[in-house]
Amino acid sequence: MCSVEIVELGAVLRSHRIAAGRTIASVAADAGLSVPYIANLENGRGNPTLAAISSLAAALGVSLEVRLDGAAAPASTSLPDSLVQFSRGARFRAEAARLPGDAARSRLLEAMAAMGAVATRPLQELDWHRMLDVMVLVTREA
């Protein structure tokens, strides 16, 4: 795995961990790995084994897909810091809890990050509130 892929893996791990509202320590305990090991992976350092990545995926409640055919999977959207901060707020947590499915919070964060990726400026809290309003409107039953 080259360093660019390690950086992408780190961003994906951090994204899933934050979306799940988990600390590195809680994920480390569930995965049977050390806190520094996971922190290094999230920061794009290290050379993880497939077993370690599999343990992390299980601890985070996400699926792991290994491809040997050379086809690249679509890159996960990295979460901007302002969205990470917003996701820790009461309103976001309440709205995410209303969505159906186990991975609803993660899907909501990924959708908001993808929408924010087309912005021509850094987004602020008010922008995330507006995006959350849109997501609430389109996911509520009529």
C-alpha atoms as a PDB file:
ATOM      1  CA  MET A   1       0.000   0.000   0.000  1.00  0.00           C
ATOM      2  CA  CYS A   2       1.537   3.349  -0.953  1.00  0.00           C
ATOM      3  CA  SER A   3       1.505   6.390   1.346  1.00  0.00           C
ATOM      4  CA  VAL A   4      -1.303   8.106  -0.589  1.00  0.00           C
ATOM      5  CA  GLU A   5      -3.527   5.111   0.067  1.00  0.00           C
ATOM      6  CA  ILE A   6      -2.560   5.115   3.772  1.00  0.00           C
ATOM      7  CA  VAL A   7      -3.591   8.779   3.996  1.00  0.00           C
ATOM      8  CA  GLU A   8      -6.927   7.954   2.351  1.00  0.00           C
ATOM      9  CA  LEU A   9      -7.405   4.996   4.690  1.00  0.00           C
ATOM     10  CA  GLY A  10      -6.698   7.262   7.659  1.00  0.00           C
ATOM     11  CA  ALA A  11      -9.291   9.786   6.494  1.00  0.00           C
ATOM     12  CA  VAL A  12     -11.860   7.020   5.989  1.00  0.00           C
ATOM     13  CA  LEU A  13     -11.173   5.546   9.429  1.00  0.00           C
ATOM     14  CA  ARG A  14     -11.443   8.942  11.109  1.00  0.00           C
ATOM     15  CA  SER A  15     -14.623   9.735   9.177  1.00  0.00           C
ATOM     16  CA  HIS A  16     -16.308   6.507  10.273  1.00  0.00           C
ATOM     17  CA  ARG A  17     -15.120   6.893  13.863  1.00  0.00           C
ATOM     18  CA  ILE A  18     -16.399  10.459  14.133  1.00  0.00           C
ATOM     19  CA  ALA A  19     -19.648   9.563  12.383  1.00  0.00           C
ATOM     20  CA  ALA A  20     -20.167   6.858  14.990  1.00  0.00           C
ATOM     21  CA  GLY A  21     -19.488   9.383  17.764  1.00  0.00           C
ATOM     22  CA  ARG A  22     -16.608   7.261  19.056  1.00  0.00           C
ATOM     23  CA  THR A  23     -13.243   8.077  20.590  1.00  0.00           C
ATOM     24  CA  ILE A  24     -10.010   6.508  19.429  1.00  0.00           C
ATOM     25  CA  ALA A  25      -9.769   4.782  22.813  1.00  0.00           C
ATOM     26  CA  SER A  26     -13.188   3.123  22.510  1.00  0.00           C
ATOM     27  CA  VAL A  27     -12.454   1.911  18.982  1.00  0.00           C
ATOM     28  CA  ALA A  28      -9.022   0.670  20.072  1.00  0.00           C
ATOM     29  CA  ALA A  29     -10.573  -1.337  22.912  1.00  0.00           C
ATOM     30  CA  ASP A  30     -13.167  -2.914  20.608  1.00  0.00           C
ATOM     31  CA  ALA A  31     -10.610  -3.650  17.887  1.00  0.00           C
ATOM     32  CA  GLY A  32      -7.947  -4.990  20.241  1.00  0.00           C
ATOM     33  CA  LEU A  33      -5.442  -2.411  19.000  1.00  0.00           C
ATOM     34  CA  SER A  34      -3.518   0.369  20.716  1.00  0.00           C
ATOM     35  CA  VAL A  35      -4.591   4.011  20.745  1.00  0.00           C
ATOM     36  CA  PRO A  36      -1.258   5.195  19.222  1.00  0.00           C
ATOM     37  CA  TYR A  37      -1.568   2.610  16.436  1.00  0.00           C
ATOM     38  CA  ILE A  38      -5.006   3.880  15.425  1.00  0.00           C
ATOM     39  CA  ALA A  39      -3.978   7.530  15.821  1.00  0.00           C
ATOM     40  CA  ASN A  40      -1.027   6.913  13.504  1.00  0.00           C
ATOM     41  CA  LEU A  41      -3.282   5.247  10.930  1.00  0.00           C
ATOM     42  CA  GLU A  42      -5.755   8.134  11.064  1.00  0.00           C
ATOM     43  CA  ASN A  43      -2.856  10.526  10.479  1.00  0.00           C
ATOM     44  CA  GLY A  44      -1.708   8.614   7.403  1.00  0.00           C
ATOM     45  CA  ARG A  45       1.219   6.839   9.036  1.00  0.00           C
ATOM     46  CA  GLY A  46       1.907   3.189   9.551  1.00  0.00           C
ATOM     47  CA  ASN A  47       1.620  -0.002   7.586  1.00  0.00           C
ATOM     48  CA  PRO A  48      -1.553  -1.751   8.758  1.00  0.00           C
ATOM     49  CA  THR A  49      -2.160  -5.427   8.293  1.00  0.00           C
ATOM     50  CA  LEU A  50      -5.360  -6.689   6.744  1.00  0.00           C
ATOM     51  CA  ALA A  51      -6.213  -8.231  10.121  1.00  0.00           C
ATOM     52  CA  ALA A  52      -5.879  -4.832  11.825  1.00  0.00           C
ATOM     53  CA  ILE A  53      -8.057  -3.134   9.209  1.00  0.00           C
ATOM     54  CA  SER A  54     -10.609  -5.922   9.516  1.00  0.00           C
ATOM     55  CA  SER A  55     -10.669  -5.482  13.311  1.00  0.00           C
ATOM     56  CA  LEU A  56     -11.137  -1.734  12.905  1.00  0.00           C
ATOM     57  CA  ALA A  57     -13.982  -2.209  10.447  1.00  0.00           C
ATOM     58  CA  ALA A  58     -15.723  -4.604  12.841  1.00  0.00           C
ATOM     59  CA  ALA A  59     -15.208  -2.227  15.773  1.00  0.00           C
ATOM     60  CA  LEU A  60     -16.691   0.620  13.731  1.00  0.00           C
ATOM     61  CA  GLY A  61     -19.591  -1.491  12.459  1.00  0.00           C
ATOM     62  CA  VAL A  62     -18.686  -1.018   8.800  1.00  0.00           C
ATOM     63  CA  SER A  63     -18.031  -3.540   6.061  1.00  0.00           C
ATOM     64  CA  LEU A  64     -14.615  -4.153   4.596  1.00  0.00           C
ATOM     65  CA  GLU A  65     -14.177  -4.883   0.908  1.00  0.00           C
ATOM     66  CA  VAL A  66     -10.871  -6.148  -0.423  1.00  0.00           C
ATOM     67  CA  ARG A  67     -10.375  -5.941  -4.175  1.00  0.00           C
ATOM     68  CA  LEU A  68      -7.637  -7.773  -5.985  1.00  0.00           C
ATOM     69  CA  ASP A  69      -8.728  -6.947  -9.523  1.00  0.00           C
ATOM     70  CA  GLY A  70      -7.060  -3.545  -9.588  1.00  0.00           C
ATOM     71  CA  ALA A  71     -10.322  -1.620  -9.787  1.00  0.00           C
ATOM     72  CA  ALA A  72     -10.337   1.279  -7.400  1.00  0.00           C
ATOM     73  CA  ALA A  73     -13.279   1.786  -5.106  1.00  0.00           C
ATOM     74  CA  PRO A  74     -14.732   5.295  -5.015  1.00  0.00           C
ATOM     75  CA  ALA A  75     -12.896   7.573  -2.595  1.00  0.00           C
ATOM     76  CA  SER A  76     -14.711   8.420   0.595  1.00  0.00           C
ATOM     77  CA  THR A  77     -15.395  12.082   1.203  1.00  0.00           C
ATOM     78  CA  SER A  78     -13.230  13.558   3.945  1.00  0.00           C
ATOM     79  CA  LEU A  79     -15.081  15.460   6.652  1.00  0.00           C
ATOM     80  CA  PRO A  80     -14.198  19.153   7.030  1.00  0.00           C
ATOM     81  CA  ASP A  81     -13.326  20.213  10.580  1.00  0.00           C
ATOM     82  CA  SER A  82     -16.308  22.565  10.704  1.00  0.00           C
ATOM     83  CA  LEU A  83     -18.633  19.640   9.903  1.00  0.00           C
ATOM     84  CA  VAL A  84     -16.963  17.474  12.536  1.00  0.00           C
ATOM     85  CA  GLN A  85     -17.616  20.203  15.111  1.00  0.00           C
ATOM     86  CA  PHE A  86     -21.203  20.617  13.896  1.00  0.00           C
ATOM     87  CA  SER A  87     -21.816  16.859  14.141  1.00  0.00           C
ATOM     88  CA  ARG A  88     -21.059  16.991  17.863  1.00  0.00           C
ATOM     89  CA  GLY A  89     -23.975  19.350  18.472  1.00  0.00           C
ATOM     90  CA  ALA A  90     -27.328  18.407  19.951  1.00  0.00           C
ATOM     91  CA  ARG A  91     -29.350  19.286  16.854  1.00  0.00           C
ATOM     92  CA  PHE A  92     -27.283  17.120  14.531  1.00  0.00           C
ATOM     93  CA  ARG A  93     -27.374  14.193  16.959  1.00  0.00           C
ATOM     94  CA  ALA A  94     -31.150  14.510  17.354  1.00  0.00           C
ATOM     95  CA  GLU A  95     -31.813  14.639  13.606  1.00  0.00           C
ATOM     96  CA  ALA A  96     -29.408  11.766  12.884  1.00  0.00           C
ATOM     97  CA  ALA A  97     -31.143   9.647  15.539  1.00  0.00           C
ATOM     98  CA  ARG A  98     -34.455  10.089  13.711  1.00  0.00           C
ATOM     99  CA  LEU A  99     -33.117   8.576  10.490  1.00  0.00           C
ATOM    100  CA  PRO A 100     -33.739   4.876   9.844  1.00  0.00           C
ATOM    101  CA  GLY A 101     -30.910   2.372   9.790  1.00  0.00           C
ATOM    102  CA  ASP A 102     -27.784   1.615  11.762  1.00  0.00           C
ATOM    103  CA  ALA A 103     -25.447   3.686   9.608  1.00  0.00           C
ATOM    104  CA  ALA A 104     -27.740   6.712   9.282  1.00  0.00           C
ATOM    105  CA  ARG A 105     -25.395   9.135  11.061  1.00  0.00           C
ATOM    106  CA  SER A 106     -22.482   8.100   8.866  1.00  0.00           C
ATOM    107  CA  ARG A 107     -24.550   8.395   5.669  1.00  0.00           C
ATOM    108  CA  LEU A 108     -25.824  11.815   6.757  1.00  0.00           C
ATOM    109  CA  LEU A 109     -22.293  13.078   7.426  1.00  0.00           C
ATOM    110  CA  GLU A 110     -21.020  11.720   4.125  1.00  0.00           C
ATOM    111  CA  ALA A 111     -23.907  13.341   2.230  1.00  0.00           C
ATOM    112  CA  MET A 112     -23.340  16.682   3.924  1.00  0.00           C
ATOM    113  CA  ALA A 113     -19.582  16.491   3.279  1.00  0.00           C
ATOM    114  CA  ALA A 114     -20.230  15.692  -0.385  1.00  0.00           C
ATOM    115  CA  MET A 115     -22.583  18.675  -0.694  1.00  0.00           C
ATOM    116  CA  GLY A 116     -20.035  20.870   1.070  1.00  0.00           C
ATOM    117  CA  ALA A 117     -17.293  19.717  -1.300  1.00  0.00           C
ATOM    118  CA  VAL A 118     -18.840  21.740  -4.126  1.00  0.00           C
ATOM    119  CA  ALA A 119     -18.794  24.961  -2.093  1.00  0.00           C
ATOM    120  CA  THR A 120     -16.517  27.730  -3.277  1.00  0.00           C
ATOM    121  CA  ARG A 121     -15.647  28.804   0.269  1.00  0.00           C
ATOM    122  CA  PRO A 122     -15.089  27.153   3.650  1.00  0.00           C
ATOM    123  CA  LEU A 123     -18.427  26.349   5.228  1.00  0.00           C
ATOM    124  CA  GLN A 124     -19.438  27.550   8.675  1.00  0.00           C
ATOM    125  CA  GLU A 125     -21.925  26.327  11.269  1.00  0.00           C
ATOM    126  CA  LEU A 126     -24.863  28.196   9.714  1.00  0.00           C
ATOM    127  CA  ASP A 127     -24.124  26.545   6.357  1.00  0.00           C
ATOM    128  CA  TRP A 128     -24.202  23.100   7.987  1.00  0.00           C
ATOM    129  CA  HIS A 129     -27.518  23.949   9.655  1.00  0.00           C
ATOM    130  CA  ARG A 130     -28.953  24.819   6.252  1.00  0.00           C
ATOM    131  CA  MET A 131     -27.685  21.569   4.752  1.00  0.00           C
ATOM    132  CA  LEU A 132     -29.105  19.642   7.670  1.00  0.00           C
ATOM    133  CA  ASP A 133     -32.447  21.372   7.049  1.00  0.00           C
ATOM    134  CA  VAL A 134     -32.371  20.093   3.467  1.00  0.00           C
ATOM    135  CA  MET A 135     -31.478  16.579   4.559  1.00  0.00           C
ATOM    136  CA  VAL A 136     -34.283  16.586   7.132  1.00  0.00           C
ATOM    137  CA  LEU A 137     -36.791  17.716   4.534  1.00  0.00           C
ATOM    138  CA  VAL A 138     -35.840  15.106   1.957  1.00  0.00           C
ATOM    139  CA  THR A 139     -35.680  12.204   4.404  1.00  0.00           C
ATOM    140  CA  ARG A 140     -38.922  12.776   6.287  1.00  0.00           C
ATOM    141  CA  GLU A 141     -42.002  10.930   5.159  1.00  0.00           C
ATOM    142  CA  ALA A 142     -44.682  13.056   3.520  1.00  0.00           C
END
